[in-house]
């Protein structure tokens, strides 16, 4: 059972992490964030950061790997959004 749970964790981690890839690529290629909510992405990045800490506390490799990657992807989108807000392009 632990192996099955770990496998499910890795599959879930892959799917939820990969979901951020197209948005991050689109934001960086098009340099456009008007349709992105600053509040939502701020909360998302904070939540992902907390999931990462939780994964570290539990020593859960799927949680640590997925949330490290997702945190970087979502943070890069948030960075661009904040930059655009400051530039008046939000």
Protein backbone atom coordinates (compact mmCIF):
# COMPACT_ATOMS: atom_id res chain seq x y z
CA UNK A 1 0.00 0.00 0.00
CA UNK A 2 2.74 2.59 0.74
CA UNK A 3 4.16 2.10 -2.77
CA UNK A 4 0.70 2.66 -4.27
CA UNK A 5 0.19 5.80 -2.20
CA UNK A 6 3.62 7.10 -3.24
CA UNK A 7 2.85 6.39 -6.91
CA UNK A 8 -0.48 8.20 -6.64
CA UNK A 9 1.36 11.09 -4.98
CA UNK A 10 3.88 11.31 -7.82
CA UNK A 11 1.14 11.17 -10.48
CA UNK A 12 -0.87 13.87 -8.71
CA UNK A 13 2.28 15.93 -8.26
CA UNK A 14 3.14 15.67 -11.95
CA UNK A 15 -0.36 16.63 -13.09
CA UNK A 16 -0.79 19.61 -10.79
CA UNK A 17 2.73 20.87 -11.48
CA UNK A 18 2.46 20.44 -15.24
CA UNK A 19 -0.79 22.43 -15.19
CA UNK A 20 1.23 25.59 -14.50
CA UNK A 21 3.66 25.11 -17.40
CA UNK A 22 1.45 26.37 -20.26
CA UNK A 23 0.49 29.51 -18.33
CA UNK A 24 4.08 30.28 -17.36
CA UNK A 25 5.28 29.77 -20.94
CA UNK A 26 2.46 31.95 -22.30
CA UNK A 27 3.17 34.77 -19.83
CA UNK A 28 6.90 34.78 -20.54
CA UNK A 29 6.52 34.51 -24.34
CA UNK A 30 3.78 37.10 -24.73
CA UNK A 31 4.83 39.31 -21.79
CA UNK A 32 1.14 39.79 -21.01
CA UNK A 33 -0.60 39.43 -17.64
CA UNK A 34 -3.77 41.54 -17.91
CA UNK A 35 -6.07 38.54 -17.57
CA UNK A 36 -4.25 37.24 -14.49
CA UNK A 37 -5.52 38.12 -11.02
CA UNK A 38 -2.82 39.52 -8.75
CA UNK A 39 -4.76 38.47 -5.65
CA UNK A 40 -5.34 34.93 -6.88
CA UNK A 41 -1.72 34.39 -7.86
CA UNK A 42 -0.49 35.91 -4.60
CA UNK A 43 -2.64 33.48 -2.62
CA UNK A 44 -1.68 30.60 -4.90
CA UNK A 45 2.05 31.21 -4.44
CA UNK A 46 1.59 31.54 -0.66
CA UNK A 47 -0.44 28.31 -0.58
CA UNK A 48 2.09 26.44 -2.68
CA UNK A 49 4.82 27.67 -0.36
CA UNK A 50 2.89 26.30 2.60
CA UNK A 51 2.40 22.94 0.82
CA UNK A 52 6.16 22.86 0.26
CA UNK A 53 6.82 23.45 3.96
CA UNK A 54 4.25 20.77 4.81
CA UNK A 55 5.97 18.34 2.44
CA UNK A 56 9.32 19.07 4.05
CA UNK A 57 7.88 18.50 7.52
CA UNK A 58 6.40 15.17 6.40
CA UNK A 59 9.52 14.32 4.39
CA UNK A 60 7.26 13.58 1.43
CA UNK A 61 9.25 13.52 -1.80
CA UNK A 62 6.21 13.97 -4.11
CA UNK A 63 5.10 17.04 -2.17
CA UNK A 64 8.60 18.50 -2.00
CA UNK A 65 9.42 18.02 -5.68
CA UNK A 66 6.03 19.11 -7.03
CA UNK A 67 5.69 22.14 -4.83
CA UNK A 68 9.26 23.32 -5.41
CA UNK A 69 8.71 23.27 -9.17
CA UNK A 70 5.18 24.68 -8.95
CA UNK A 71 6.34 27.41 -6.57
CA UNK A 72 8.97 28.48 -9.11
CA UNK A 73 6.50 28.45 -12.01
CA UNK A 74 3.75 30.31 -10.15
CA UNK A 75 6.26 32.76 -8.66
CA UNK A 76 7.56 33.60 -12.11
CA UNK A 77 4.01 34.42 -13.23
CA UNK A 78 3.44 36.48 -10.08
CA UNK A 79 6.73 38.31 -10.65
CA UNK A 80 5.66 39.31 -14.17
CA UNK A 81 2.22 40.39 -12.91
CA UNK A 82 3.71 42.58 -10.18
CA UNK A 83 6.19 44.04 -12.69
CA UNK A 84 3.35 44.87 -15.08
CA UNK A 85 1.27 46.43 -12.29
CA UNK A 86 4.21 48.67 -11.37
CA UNK A 87 4.67 49.62 -15.03
CA UNK A 88 0.96 50.42 -15.38
CA UNK A 89 0.42 47.55 -17.83
CA UNK A 90 -1.86 45.50 -15.59
